[in-house]
Amino acid sequence: QVQLVESGGGLVQPGGSLRLSCAASGSIVSIYAMGWYRQVPGKQRELVAIITSGGSTNYIDSVKGRFTISRDNAKNTVYLQMNSLKPEDTAVYYCNADVRSGSYVTRRNDYWGQGTQVAVSS
């Protein structure tokens, strides 16, 4: 079994910064892509940023130039540095990871963190 634990959310004023972290633990063999999603009430969850095992990244247009996704493969951790935050960035942010896990028999699954609230308000 694999667990993803997020941290770093909170309340920040417009123009401020936050750094989200997501650590994966369990019987991990390898982690492929890792990503951050966000969701506001009444809307679908949307992909914010994604990073492959090789370090290639992609972002939605609304966060390009403001958010940076990175990962530390030795720590099985993905980060999201969020700068110049805007009220429209307010959402619950979820970590996602494509993981191969197990010991004798391995399998590949998609895992989600529990979510962390980001609120941008003056």
PDB file of N, CA and C in Angstrom:
ATOM      1  N   GLN A   1       0.846  -1.192   0.000  1.00  0.00           N
ATOM      2  CA  GLN A   1       0.000   0.000   0.000  1.00  0.00           C
ATOM      3  C   GLN A   1       0.881   1.241   0.000  1.00  0.00           C
ATOM      4  N   VAL A   2       0.378   2.278  -0.624  1.00  0.00           N
ATOM      5  CA  VAL A   2       1.111   3.535  -0.748  1.00  0.00           C
ATOM      6  C   VAL A   2       0.279   4.663  -0.172  1.00  0.00           C
ATOM      7  N   GLN A   3       0.908   5.542   0.561  1.00  0.00           N
ATOM      8  CA  GLN A   3       0.240   6.720   1.113  1.00  0.00           C
ATOM      9  C   GLN A   3       0.929   7.980   0.593  1.00  0.00           C
ATOM     10  N   LEU A   4       0.107   8.988   0.320  1.00  0.00           N
ATOM     11  CA  LEU A   4       0.606  10.308  -0.056  1.00  0.00           C
ATOM     12  C   LEU A   4       0.159  11.293   1.011  1.00  0.00           C
ATOM     13  N   VAL A   5       1.087  12.009   1.595  1.00  0.00           N
ATOM     14  CA  VAL A   5       0.762  12.962   2.656  1.00  0.00           C
ATOM     15  C   VAL A   5       1.212  14.351   2.221  1.00  0.00           C
ATOM     16  N   GLU A   6       0.234  15.254   2.166  1.00  0.00           N
ATOM     17  CA  GLU A   6       0.499  16.627   1.727  1.00  0.00           C
ATOM     18  C   GLU A   6       0.655  17.552   2.922  1.00  0.00           C
ATOM     19  N   SER A   7       1.360  18.639   2.688  1.00  0.00           N
ATOM     20  CA  SER A   7       1.492  19.674   3.700  1.00  0.00           C
ATOM     21  C   SER A   7       1.796  20.999   3.002  1.00  0.00           C
ATOM     22  N   GLY A   8       1.613  22.099   3.752  1.00  0.00           N
ATOM     23  CA  GLY A   8       2.009  23.392   3.243  1.00  0.00           C
ATOM     24  C   GLY A   8       0.897  24.337   2.851  1.00  0.00           C
ATOM     25  N   GLY A   9      -0.344  23.893   2.912  1.00  0.00           N
ATOM     26  CA  GLY A   9      -1.440  24.786   2.571  1.00  0.00           C
ATOM     27  C   GLY A   9      -1.665  25.835   3.651  1.00  0.00           C
ATOM     28  N   GLY A  10      -2.582  26.758   3.377  1.00  0.00           N
ATOM     29  CA  GLY A  10      -2.891  27.787   4.351  1.00  0.00           C
ATOM     30  C   GLY A  10      -3.530  29.003   3.724  1.00  0.00           C
ATOM     31  N   LEU A  11      -3.601  30.061   4.525  1.00  0.00           N
ATOM     32  CA  LEU A  11      -4.179  31.322   4.080  1.00  0.00           C
ATOM     33  C   LEU A  11      -3.052  32.304   3.764  1.00  0.00           C
ATOM     34  N   VAL A  12      -3.140  32.948   2.615  1.00  0.00           N
ATOM     35  CA  VAL A  12      -2.110  33.896   2.204  1.00  0.00           C
ATOM     36  C   VAL A  12      -2.778  35.062   1.493  1.00  0.00           C
ATOM     37  N   GLN A  13      -2.163  36.221   1.560  1.00  0.00           N
ATOM     38  CA  GLN A  13      -2.692  37.399   0.874  1.00  0.00           C
ATOM     39  C   GLN A  13      -2.353  37.343  -0.610  1.00  0.00           C
ATOM     40  N   PRO A  14      -3.138  38.017  -1.432  1.00  0.00           N
ATOM     41  CA  PRO A  14      -2.806  38.080  -2.866  1.00  0.00           C
ATOM     42  C   PRO A  14      -1.384  38.589  -3.072  1.00  0.00           C
ATOM     43  N   GLY A  15      -0.675  37.942  -3.981  1.00  0.00           N
ATOM     44  CA  GLY A  15       0.719  38.282  -4.229  1.00  0.00           C
ATOM     45  C   GLY A  15       1.699  37.493  -3.391  1.00  0.00           C
ATOM     46  N   GLY A  16       1.182  36.763  -2.424  1.00  0.00           N
ATOM     47  CA  GLY A  16       2.043  35.976  -1.547  1.00  0.00           C
ATOM     48  C   GLY A  16       2.448  34.644  -2.144  1.00  0.00           C
ATOM     49  N   SER A  17       3.163  33.865  -1.339  1.00  0.00           N
ATOM     50  CA  SER A  17       3.697  32.585  -1.799  1.00  0.00           C
ATOM     51  C   SER A  17       3.394  31.480  -0.794  1.00  0.00           C
ATOM     52  N   LEU A  18       3.288  30.275  -1.322  1.00  0.00           N
ATOM     53  CA  LEU A  18       3.169  29.072  -0.507  1.00  0.00           C
ATOM     54  C   LEU A  18       3.938  27.962  -1.201  1.00  0.00           C
ATOM     55  N   ARG A  19       4.400  27.009  -0.411  1.00  0.00           N
ATOM     56  CA  ARG A  19       5.064  25.834  -0.971  1.00  0.00           C
ATOM     57  C   ARG A  19       4.366  24.596  -0.443  1.00  0.00           C
ATOM     58  N   LEU A  20       3.812  23.815  -1.351  1.00  0.00           N
ATOM     59  CA  LEU A  20       3.174  22.559  -0.997  1.00  0.00           C
ATOM     60  C   LEU A  20       4.172  21.415  -1.138  1.00  0.00           C
ATOM     61  N   SER A  21       4.043  20.439  -0.245  1.00  0.00           N
ATOM     62  CA  SER A  21       4.872  19.236  -0.316  1.00  0.00           C
ATOM     63  C   SER A  21       3.980  18.006  -0.277  1.00  0.00           C
ATOM     64  N   CYS A  22       4.429  16.953  -0.907  1.00  0.00           N
ATOM     65  CA  CYS A  22       3.689  15.694  -0.901  1.00  0.00           C
ATOM     66  C   CYS A  22       4.701  14.559  -0.853  1.00  0.00           C
ATOM     67  N   ALA A  23       4.676  13.802   0.246  1.00  0.00           N
ATOM     68  CA  ALA A  23       5.619  12.704   0.416  1.00  0.00           C
ATOM     69  C   ALA A  23       4.898  11.370   0.254  1.00  0.00           C
ATOM     70  N   ALA A  24       5.463  10.512  -0.564  1.00  0.00           N
ATOM     71  CA  ALA A  24       4.919   9.179  -0.773  1.00  0.00           C
ATOM     72  C   ALA A  24       5.678   8.174   0.078  1.00  0.00           C
ATOM     73  N   SER A  25       4.929   7.227   0.659  1.00  0.00           N
ATOM     74  CA  SER A  25       5.557   6.199   1.477  1.00  0.00           C
ATOM     75  C   SER A  25       4.852   4.873   1.258  1.00  0.00           C
ATOM     76  N   GLY A  26       5.518   3.798   1.649  1.00  0.00           N
ATOM     77  CA  GLY A  26       4.951   2.469   1.471  1.00  0.00           C
ATOM     78  C   GLY A  26       5.922   1.588   0.709  1.00  0.00           C
ATOM     79  N   SER A  27       5.395   0.514   0.156  1.00  0.00           N
ATOM     80  CA  SER A  27       6.235  -0.452  -0.558  1.00  0.00           C
ATOM     81  C   SER A  27       6.453   0.003  -2.002  1.00  0.00           C
ATOM     82  N   ILE A  28       7.158   1.096  -2.132  1.00  0.00           N
ATOM     83  CA  ILE A  28       7.343   1.737  -3.431  1.00  0.00           C
ATOM     84  C   ILE A  28       8.496   1.102  -4.195  1.00  0.00           C
ATOM     85  N   VAL A  29       8.232   0.734  -5.428  1.00  0.00           N
ATOM     86  CA  VAL A  29       9.283   0.243  -6.314  1.00  0.00           C
ATOM     87  C   VAL A  29       9.777   1.392  -7.193  1.00  0.00           C
ATOM     88  N   SER A  30       8.840   2.099  -7.779  1.00  0.00           N
ATOM     89  CA  SER A  30       9.198   3.268  -8.582  1.00  0.00           C
ATOM     90  C   SER A  30       7.989   4.188  -8.693  1.00  0.00           C
ATOM     91  N   ILE A  31       8.273   5.473  -8.884  1.00  0.00           N
ATOM     92  CA  ILE A  31       7.223   6.474  -9.071  1.00  0.00           C
ATOM     93  C   ILE A  31       7.392   7.079 -10.447  1.00  0.00           C
ATOM     94  N   TYR A  32       6.359   7.057 -11.222  1.00  0.00           N
ATOM     95  CA  TYR A  32       6.394   7.632 -12.563  1.00  0.00           C
ATOM     96  C   TYR A  32       6.005   9.102 -12.462  1.00  0.00           C
ATOM     97  N   ALA A  33       4.984   9.529 -13.144  1.00  0.00           N
ATOM     98  CA  ALA A  33       4.597  10.938 -13.074  1.00  0.00           C
ATOM     99  C   ALA A  33       4.000  11.277 -11.714  1.00  0.00           C
ATOM    100  N   MET A  34       4.237  12.522 -11.283  1.00  0.00           N
ATOM    101  CA  MET A  34       3.621  13.063 -10.074  1.00  0.00           C
ATOM    102  C   MET A  34       2.999  14.395 -10.459  1.00  0.00           C
ATOM    103  N   GLY A  35       1.877  14.694  -9.826  1.00  0.00           N
ATOM    104  CA  GLY A  35       1.205  15.928 -10.217  1.00  0.00           C
ATOM    105  C   GLY A  35       0.435  16.563  -9.087  1.00  0.00           C
ATOM    106  N   TRP A  36       0.053  17.795  -9.330  1.00  0.00           N
ATOM    107  CA  TRP A  36      -0.815  18.536  -8.415  1.00  0.00           C
ATOM    108  C   TRP A  36      -2.098  18.917  -9.145  1.00  0.00           C
ATOM    109  N   TYR A  37      -3.212  18.665  -8.487  1.00  0.00           N
ATOM    110  CA  TYR A  37      -4.530  19.017  -8.985  1.00  0.00           C
ATOM    111  C   TYR A  37      -5.167  19.961  -7.979  1.00  0.00           C
ATOM    112  N   ARG A  38      -6.219  20.641  -8.421  1.00  0.00           N
ATOM    113  CA  ARG A  38      -6.973  21.464  -7.484  1.00  0.00           C
ATOM    114  C   ARG A  38      -8.454  21.397  -7.805  1.00  0.00           C
ATOM    115  N   GLN A  39      -9.240  21.658  -6.792  1.00  0.00           N
ATOM    116  CA  GLN A  39     -10.689  21.588  -6.950  1.00  0.00           C
ATOM    117  C   GLN A  39     -11.360  22.618  -6.068  1.00  0.00           C
ATOM    118  N   VAL A  40     -12.338  23.295  -6.665  1.00  0.00           N
ATOM    119  CA  VAL A  40     -13.195  24.201  -5.898  1.00  0.00           C
ATOM    120  C   VAL A  40     -14.592  23.623  -5.890  1.00  0.00           C
ATOM    121  N   PRO A  41     -15.402  23.976  -4.877  1.00  0.00           N
ATOM    122  CA  PRO A  41     -16.752  23.399  -4.787  1.00  0.00           C
ATOM    123  C   PRO A  41     -17.560  23.640  -6.060  1.00  0.00           C
ATOM    124  N   GLY A  42     -18.193  22.598  -6.544  1.00  0.00           N
ATOM    125  CA  GLY A  42     -19.046  22.721  -7.709  1.00  0.00           C
ATOM    126  C   GLY A  42     -18.342  22.617  -9.039  1.00  0.00           C
ATOM    127  N   LYS A  43     -17.025  22.439  -9.009  1.00  0.00           N
ATOM    128  CA  LYS A  43     -16.267  22.330 -10.249  1.00  0.00           C
ATOM    129  C   LYS A  43     -15.473  21.033 -10.271  1.00  0.00           C
ATOM    130  N   GLN A  44     -15.084  20.635 -11.474  1.00  0.00           N
ATOM    131  CA  GLN A  44     -14.274  19.429 -11.610  1.00  0.00           C
ATOM    132  C   GLN A  44     -12.853  19.679 -11.137  1.00  0.00           C
ATOM    133  N   ARG A  45     -12.237  18.614 -10.693  1.00  0.00           N
ATOM    134  CA  ARG A  45     -10.835  18.694 -10.314  1.00  0.00           C
ATOM    135  C   ARG A  45     -10.004  18.931 -11.578  1.00  0.00           C
ATOM    136  N   GLU A  46      -9.060  19.857 -11.496  1.00  0.00           N
ATOM    137  CA  GLU A  46      -8.241  20.165 -12.675  1.00  0.00           C
ATOM    138  C   GLU A  46      -6.766  19.953 -12.382  1.00  0.00           C
ATOM    139  N   LEU A  47      -6.058  19.519 -13.416  1.00  0.00           N
ATOM    140  CA  LEU A  47      -4.620  19.331 -13.307  1.00  0.00           C
ATOM    141  C   LEU A  47      -3.939  20.694 -13.334  1.00  0.00           C
ATOM    142  N   VAL A  48      -3.102  20.955 -12.335  1.00  0.00           N
ATOM    143  CA  VAL A  48      -2.382  22.222 -12.253  1.00  0.00           C
ATOM    144  C   VAL A  48      -0.988  22.081 -12.859  1.00  0.00           C
ATOM    145  N   ALA A  49      -0.275  21.044 -12.448  1.00  0.00           N
ATOM    146  CA  ALA A  49       1.095  20.847 -12.916  1.00  0.00           C
ATOM    147  C   ALA A  49       1.451  19.378 -12.795  1.00  0.00           C
ATOM    148  N   ILE A  50       2.335  18.926 -13.679  1.00  0.00           N
ATOM    149  CA  ILE A  50       2.755  17.536 -13.662  1.00  0.00           C
ATOM    150  C   ILE A  50       4.242  17.458 -13.956  1.00  0.00           C
ATOM    151  N   ILE A  51       4.902  16.464 -13.355  1.00  0.00           N
ATOM    152  CA  ILE A  51       6.329  16.263 -13.589  1.00  0.00           C
ATOM    153  C   ILE A  51       6.584  14.775 -13.781  1.00  0.00           C
ATOM    154  N   THR A  52       7.339  14.447 -14.823  1.00  0.00           N
ATOM    155  CA  THR A  52       7.639  13.043 -15.088  1.00  0.00           C
ATOM    156  C   THR A  52       8.813  12.577 -14.231  1.00  0.00           C
ATOM    157  N   SER A  53       9.093  11.288 -14.273  1.00  0.00           N
ATOM    158  CA  SER A  53      10.225  10.759 -13.511  1.00  0.00           C
ATOM    159  C   SER A  53      11.540  11.341 -14.011  1.00  0.00           C
ATOM    160  N   GLY A  54      11.560  11.774 -15.251  1.00  0.00           N
ATOM    161  CA  GLY A  54      12.763  12.361 -15.820  1.00  0.00           C
ATOM    162  C   GLY A  54      12.889  13.855 -15.614  1.00  0.00           C
ATOM    163  N   GLY A  55      11.846  14.461 -15.025  1.00  0.00           N
ATOM    164  CA  GLY A  55      11.909  15.881 -14.712  1.00  0.00           C
ATOM    165  C   GLY A  55      11.219  16.804 -15.695  1.00  0.00           C
ATOM    166  N   SER A  56      10.595  16.261 -16.730  1.00  0.00           N
ATOM    167  CA  SER A  56       9.839  17.112 -17.654  1.00  0.00           C
ATOM    168  C   SER A  56       8.578  17.608 -16.959  1.00  0.00           C
ATOM    169  N   THR A  57       8.242  18.866 -17.218  1.00  0.00           N
ATOM    170  CA  THR A  57       7.102  19.477 -16.530  1.00  0.00           C
ATOM    171  C   THR A  57       6.096  20.051 -17.513  1.00  0.00           C
ATOM    172  N   ASN A  58       4.872  20.211 -17.018  1.00  0.00           N
ATOM    173  CA  ASN A  58       3.823  20.855 -17.796  1.00  0.00           C
ATOM    174  C   ASN A  58       2.873  21.536 -16.822  1.00  0.00           C
ATOM    175  N   TYR A  59       2.315  22.678 -17.257  1.00  0.00           N
ATOM    176  CA  TYR A  59       1.456  23.478 -16.395  1.00  0.00           C
ATOM    177  C   TYR A  59       0.213  23.925 -17.152  1.00  0.00           C
ATOM    178  N   ILE A  60      -0.859  24.191 -16.415  1.00  0.00           N
ATOM    179  CA  ILE A  60      -1.991  24.849 -17.043  1.00  0.00           C
ATOM    180  C   ILE A  60      -1.603  26.304 -17.276  1.00  0.00           C
ATOM    181  N   ASP A  61      -2.219  26.908 -18.262  1.00  0.00           N
ATOM    182  CA  ASP A  61      -1.827  28.255 -18.673  1.00  0.00           C
ATOM    183  C   ASP A  61      -1.936  29.272 -17.539  1.00  0.00           C
ATOM    184  N   SER A  62      -2.944  29.123 -16.695  1.00  0.00           N
ATOM    185  CA  SER A  62      -3.208  30.141 -15.679  1.00  0.00           C
ATOM    186  C   SER A  62      -2.140  30.220 -14.597  1.00  0.00           C
ATOM    187  N   VAL A  63      -1.267  29.221 -14.497  1.00  0.00           N
ATOM    188  CA  VAL A  63      -0.223  29.241 -13.454  1.00  0.00           C
ATOM    189  C   VAL A  63       1.180  29.335 -14.031  1.00  0.00           C
ATOM    190  N   LYS A  64       1.305  29.308 -15.329  1.00  0.00           N
ATOM    191  CA  LYS A  64       2.634  29.386 -15.946  1.00  0.00           C
ATOM    192  C   LYS A  64       3.329  30.679 -15.551  1.00  0.00           C
ATOM    193  N   GLY A  65       4.590  30.546 -15.155  1.00  0.00           N
ATOM    194  CA  GLY A  65       5.354  31.707 -14.732  1.00  0.00           C
ATOM    195  C   GLY A  65       5.185  32.042 -13.262  1.00  0.00           C
ATOM    196  N   ARG A  66       4.204  31.411 -12.607  1.00  0.00           N
ATOM    197  CA  ARG A  66       3.973  31.689 -11.182  1.00  0.00           C
ATOM    198  C   ARG A  66       4.224  30.451 -10.312  1.00  0.00           C
ATOM    199  N   PHE A  67       3.885  29.287 -10.819  1.00  0.00           N
ATOM    200  CA  PHE A  67       4.043  28.040 -10.063  1.00  0.00           C
ATOM    201  C   PHE A  67       5.199  27.227 -10.633  1.00  0.00           C
ATOM    202  N   THR A  68       5.877  26.511  -9.752  1.00  0.00           N
ATOM    203  CA  THR A  68       6.951  25.613 -10.177  1.00  0.00           C
ATOM    204  C   THR A  68       6.805  24.274  -9.484  1.00  0.00           C
ATOM    205  N   ILE A  69       6.735  23.218 -10.272  1.00  0.00           N
ATOM    206  CA  ILE A  69       6.676  21.865  -9.715  1.00  0.00           C
ATOM    207  C   ILE A  69       8.075  21.263  -9.764  1.00  0.00           C
ATOM    208  N   SER A  70       8.418  20.534  -8.710  1.00  0.00           N
ATOM    209  CA  SER A  70       9.717  19.861  -8.665  1.00  0.00           C
ATOM    210  C   SER A  70       9.572  18.582  -7.856  1.00  0.00           C
ATOM    211  N   ARG A  71      10.571  17.730  -7.910  1.00  0.00           N
ATOM    212  CA  ARG A  71      10.507  16.483  -7.153  1.00  0.00           C
ATOM    213  C   ARG A  71      11.889  16.097  -6.670  1.00  0.00           C
ATOM    214  N   ASP A  72      11.891  15.379  -5.558  1.00  0.00           N
ATOM    215  CA  ASP A  72      13.113  14.805  -5.008  1.00  0.00           C
ATOM    216  C   ASP A  72      12.911  13.299  -5.022  1.00  0.00           C
ATOM    217  N   ASN A  73      13.494  12.634  -5.988  1.00  0.00           N
ATOM    218  CA  ASN A  73      13.255  11.198  -6.142  1.00  0.00           C
ATOM    219  C   ASN A  73      13.809  10.395  -4.973  1.00  0.00           C
ATOM    220  N   ALA A  74      14.865  10.872  -4.351  1.00  0.00           N
ATOM    221  CA  ALA A  74      15.437  10.161  -3.210  1.00  0.00           C
ATOM    222  C   ALA A  74      14.486  10.171  -2.010  1.00  0.00           C
ATOM    223  N   LYS A  75      13.658  11.206  -1.942  1.00  0.00           N
ATOM    224  CA  LYS A  75      12.707  11.333  -0.836  1.00  0.00           C
ATOM    225  C   LYS A  75      11.279  10.985  -1.248  1.00  0.00           C
ATOM    226  N   ASN A  76      11.087  10.590  -2.503  1.00  0.00           N
ATOM    227  CA  ASN A  76       9.738  10.279  -3.009  1.00  0.00           C
ATOM    228  C   ASN A  76       8.774  11.431  -2.735  1.00  0.00           C
ATOM    229  N   THR A  77       9.236  12.635  -2.976  1.00  0.00           N
ATOM    230  CA  THR A  77       8.474  13.830  -2.630  1.00  0.00           C
ATOM    231  C   THR A  77       8.357  14.755  -3.836  1.00  0.00           C
ATOM    232  N   VAL A  78       7.184  15.339  -3.979  1.00  0.00           N
ATOM    233  CA  VAL A  78       6.938  16.338  -5.015  1.00  0.00           C
ATOM    234  C   VAL A  78       6.548  17.650  -4.332  1.00  0.00           C
ATOM    235  N   TYR A  79       6.955  18.757  -4.943  1.00  0.00           N
ATOM    236  CA  TYR A  79       6.704  20.074  -4.387  1.00  0.00           C
ATOM    237  C   TYR A  79       5.960  20.933  -5.405  1.00  0.00           C
ATOM    238  N   LEU A  80       5.250  21.926  -4.893  1.00  0.00           N
ATOM    239  CA  LEU A  80       4.650  22.934  -5.751  1.00  0.00           C
ATOM    240  C   LEU A  80       4.924  24.287  -5.112  1.00  0.00           C
ATOM    241  N   GLN A  81       5.829  25.036  -5.709  1.00  0.00           N
ATOM    242  CA  GLN A  81       6.110  26.397  -5.262  1.00  0.00           C
ATOM    243  C   GLN A  81       5.143  27.328  -5.965  1.00  0.00           C
ATOM    244  N   MET A  82       4.355  28.030  -5.193  1.00  0.00           N
ATOM    245  CA  MET A  82       3.323  28.917  -5.741  1.00  0.00           C
ATOM    246  C   MET A  82       3.648  30.355  -5.370  1.00  0.00           C
ATOM    247  N   ASN A  83       3.947  31.164  -6.369  1.00  0.00           N
ATOM    248  CA  ASN A  83       4.252  32.576  -6.161  1.00  0.00           C
ATOM    249  C   ASN A  83       3.185  33.443  -6.807  1.00  0.00           C
ATOM    250  N   SER A  84       3.175  34.711  -6.431  1.00  0.00           N
ATOM    251  CA  SER A  84       2.211  35.666  -6.992  1.00  0.00           C
ATOM    252  C   SER A  84       0.794  35.103  -6.967  1.00  0.00           C
ATOM    253  N   LEU A  85       0.414  34.591  -5.829  1.00  0.00           N
ATOM    254  CA  LEU A  85      -0.893  33.936  -5.710  1.00  0.00           C
ATOM    255  C   LEU A  85      -2.033  34.928  -5.918  1.00  0.00           C
ATOM    256  N   LYS A  86      -3.095  34.413  -6.529  1.00  0.00           N
ATOM    257  CA  LYS A  86      -4.287  35.208  -6.817  1.00  0.00           C
ATOM    258  C   LYS A  86      -5.491  34.579  -6.127  1.00  0.00           C
ATOM    259  N   PRO A  87      -6.536  35.358  -5.876  1.00  0.00           N
ATOM    260  CA  PRO A  87      -7.739  34.792  -5.250  1.00  0.00           C
ATOM    261  C   PRO A  87      -8.289  33.593  -6.023  1.00  0.00           C
ATOM    262  N   GLU A  88      -8.157  33.605  -7.331  1.00  0.00           N
ATOM    263  CA  GLU A  88      -8.676  32.492  -8.127  1.00  0.00           C
ATOM    264  C   GLU A  88      -7.855  31.213  -7.982  1.00  0.00           C
ATOM    265  N   ASP A  89      -6.727  31.274  -7.275  1.00  0.00           N
ATOM    266  CA  ASP A  89      -5.958  30.062  -6.970  1.00  0.00           C
ATOM    267  C   ASP A  89      -6.516  29.334  -5.745  1.00  0.00           C
ATOM    268  N   THR A  90      -7.473  29.952  -5.076  1.00  0.00           N
ATOM    269  CA  THR A  90      -8.075  29.335  -3.899  1.00  0.00           C
ATOM    270  C   THR A  90      -8.749  28.021  -4.277  1.00  0.00           C
ATOM    271  N   ALA A  91      -8.378  26.954  -3.583  1.00  0.00           N
ATOM    272  CA  ALA A  91      -8.907  25.618  -3.886  1.00  0.00           C
ATOM    273  C   ALA A  91      -8.318  24.627  -2.886  1.00  0.00           C
ATOM    274  N   VAL A  92      -8.835  23.409  -2.942  1.00  0.00           N
ATOM    275  CA  VAL A  92      -8.177  22.300  -2.265  1.00  0.00           C
ATOM    276  C   VAL A  92      -7.202  21.692  -3.275  1.00  0.00           C
ATOM    277  N   TYR A  93      -5.971  21.567  -2.878  1.00  0.00           N
ATOM    278  CA  TYR A  93      -4.925  21.038  -3.759  1.00  0.00           C
ATOM    279  C   TYR A  93      -4.635  19.590  -3.388  1.00  0.00           C
ATOM    280  N   TYR A  94      -4.622  18.739  -4.412  1.00  0.00           N
ATOM    281  CA  TYR A  94      -4.399  17.312  -4.231  1.00  0.00           C
ATOM    282  C   TYR A  94      -3.131  16.879  -4.965  1.00  0.00           C
ATOM    283  N   CYS A  95      -2.394  16.032  -4.309  1.00  0.00           N
ATOM    284  CA  CYS A  95      -1.217  15.410  -4.908  1.00  0.00           C
ATOM    285  C   CYS A  95      -1.639  14.086  -5.554  1.00  0.00           C
ATOM    286  N   ASN A  96      -1.022  13.769  -6.660  1.00  0.00           N
ATOM    287  CA  ASN A  96      -1.284  12.515  -7.352  1.00  0.00           C
ATOM    288  C   ASN A  96       0.032  11.885  -7.788  1.00  0.00           C
ATOM    289  N   ALA A  97       0.091  10.559  -7.724  1.00  0.00           N
ATOM    290  CA  ALA A  97       1.314   9.874  -8.152  1.00  0.00           C
ATOM    291  C   ALA A  97       0.972   8.551  -8.817  1.00  0.00           C
ATOM    292  N   ASP A  98       1.679   8.265  -9.864  1.00  0.00           N
ATOM    293  CA  ASP A  98       1.569   6.996 -10.596  1.00  0.00           C
ATOM    294  C   ASP A  98       2.704   6.117 -10.075  1.00  0.00           C
ATOM    295  N   VAL A  99       2.347   5.057  -9.330  1.00  0.00           N
ATOM    296  CA  VAL A  99       3.341   4.331  -8.539  1.00  0.00           C
ATOM    297  C   VAL A  99       3.304   2.836  -8.831  1.00  0.00           C
ATOM    298  N   ARG A 100       4.481   2.257  -8.949  1.00  0.00           N
ATOM    299  CA  ARG A 100       4.587   0.790  -8.942  1.00  0.00           C
ATOM    300  C   ARG A 100       5.012   0.394  -7.527  1.00  0.00           C
ATOM    301  N   SER A 101       4.257  -0.493  -6.914  1.00  0.00           N
ATOM    302  CA  SER A 101       4.528  -0.868  -5.530  1.00  0.00           C
ATOM    303  C   SER A 101       4.382  -2.370  -5.341  1.00  0.00           C
ATOM    304  N   GLY A 102       4.820  -2.831  -4.196  1.00  0.00           N
ATOM    305  CA  GLY A 102       4.716  -4.250  -3.873  1.00  0.00           C
ATOM    306  C   GLY A 102       6.075  -4.827  -3.584  1.00  0.00           C
ATOM    307  N   SER A 103       6.079  -6.097  -3.217  1.00  0.00           N
ATOM    308  CA  SER A 103       7.350  -6.750  -2.929  1.00  0.00           C
ATOM    309  C   SER A 103       7.565  -7.911  -3.898  1.00  0.00           C
ATOM    310  N   TYR A 104       6.972  -9.070  -3.614  1.00  0.00           N
ATOM    311  CA  TYR A 104       7.138 -10.217  -4.500  1.00  0.00           C
ATOM    312  C   TYR A 104       6.411  -9.984  -5.823  1.00  0.00           C
ATOM    313  N   VAL A 105       5.190  -9.503  -5.718  1.00  0.00           N
ATOM    314  CA  VAL A 105       4.402  -9.152  -6.900  1.00  0.00           C
ATOM    315  C   VAL A 105       4.160  -7.655  -6.875  1.00  0.00           C
ATOM    316  N   THR A 106       4.478  -6.996  -7.963  1.00  0.00           N
ATOM    317  CA  THR A 106       4.287  -5.538  -7.996  1.00  0.00           C
ATOM    318  C   THR A 106       3.111  -5.182  -8.893  1.00  0.00           C
ATOM    319  N   ARG A 107       2.550  -4.018  -8.633  1.00  0.00           N
ATOM    320  CA  ARG A 107       1.459  -3.513  -9.465  1.00  0.00           C
ATOM    321  C   ARG A 107       1.577  -2.000  -9.557  1.00  0.00           C
ATOM    322  N   ARG A 108       0.956  -1.482 -10.584  1.00  0.00           N
ATOM    323  CA  ARG A 108       1.023  -0.047 -10.853  1.00  0.00           C
ATOM    324  C   ARG A 108      -0.353   0.555 -10.649  1.00  0.00           C
ATOM    325  N   ASN A 109      -0.418   1.600  -9.800  1.00  0.00           N
ATOM    326  CA  ASN A 109      -1.688   2.253  -9.483  1.00  0.00           C
ATOM    327  C   ASN A 109      -1.514   3.758  -9.383  1.00  0.00           C
ATOM    328  N   ASP A 110      -2.651   4.417  -9.441  1.00  0.00           N
ATOM    329  CA  ASP A 110      -2.723   5.859  -9.240  1.00  0.00           C
ATOM    330  C   ASP A 110      -3.115   6.124  -7.788  1.00  0.00           C
ATOM    331  N   TYR A 111      -2.394   7.034  -7.115  1.00  0.00           N
ATOM    332  CA  TYR A 111      -2.701   7.324  -5.718  1.00  0.00           C
ATOM    333  C   TYR A 111      -2.935   8.821  -5.538  1.00  0.00           C
ATOM    334  N   TRP A 112      -3.759   9.137  -4.538  1.00  0.00           N
ATOM    335  CA  TRP A 112      -4.115  10.527  -4.234  1.00  0.00           C
ATOM    336  C   TRP A 112      -3.809  10.851  -2.782  1.00  0.00           C
ATOM    337  N   GLY A 113      -3.408  12.090  -2.544  1.00  0.00           N
ATOM    338  CA  GLY A 113      -3.300  12.579  -1.194  1.00  0.00           C
ATOM    339  C   GLY A 113      -4.666  13.004  -0.674  1.00  0.00           C
ATOM    340  N   GLN A 114      -4.684  13.445   0.586  1.00  0.00           N
ATOM    341  CA  GLN A 114      -5.953  13.777   1.234  1.00  0.00           C
ATOM    342  C   GLN A 114      -6.423  15.190   0.894  1.00  0.00           C
ATOM    343  N   GLY A 115      -5.541  15.986   0.319  1.00  0.00           N
ATOM    344  CA  GLY A 115      -5.886  17.360  -0.045  1.00  0.00           C
ATOM    345  C   GLY A 115      -5.441  18.349   1.016  1.00  0.00           C
ATOM    346  N   THR A 116      -5.051  19.524   0.567  1.00  0.00           N
ATOM    347  CA  THR A 116      -4.671  20.600   1.474  1.00  0.00           C
ATOM    348  C   THR A 116      -5.286  21.905   0.965  1.00  0.00           C
ATOM    349  N   GLN A 117      -5.879  22.664   1.857  1.00  0.00           N
ATOM    350  CA  GLN A 117      -6.601  23.874   1.476  1.00  0.00           C
ATOM    351  C   GLN A 117      -5.623  25.035   1.269  1.00  0.00           C
ATOM    352  N   VAL A 118      -5.793  25.713   0.151  1.00  0.00           N
ATOM    353  CA  VAL A 118      -5.076  26.957  -0.126  1.00  0.00           C
ATOM    354  C   VAL A 118      -6.117  28.052  -0.282  1.00  0.00           C
ATOM    355  N   ALA A 119      -6.000  29.088   0.509  1.00  0.00           N
ATOM    356  CA  ALA A 119      -6.929  30.221   0.447  1.00  0.00           C
ATOM    357  C   ALA A 119      -6.133  31.500   0.224  1.00  0.00           C
ATOM    358  N   VAL A 120      -6.508  32.237  -0.813  1.00  0.00           N
ATOM    359  CA  VAL A 120      -5.833  33.492  -1.142  1.00  0.00           C
ATOM    360  C   VAL A 120      -6.841  34.616  -0.971  1.00  0.00           C
ATOM    361  N   SER A 121      -6.619  35.426   0.044  1.00  0.00           N
ATOM    362  CA  SER A 121      -7.588  36.468   0.367  1.00  0.00           C
ATOM    363  C   SER A 121      -6.921  37.570   1.172  1.00  0.00           C
ATOM    364  N   SER A 122      -7.414  38.782   0.975  1.00  0.00           N
ATOM    365  CA  SER A 122      -6.916  39.912   1.759  1.00  0.00           C
ATOM    366  C   SER A 122      -7.796  40.139   2.983  1.00  0.00           C
TER     367      SER A 122
END
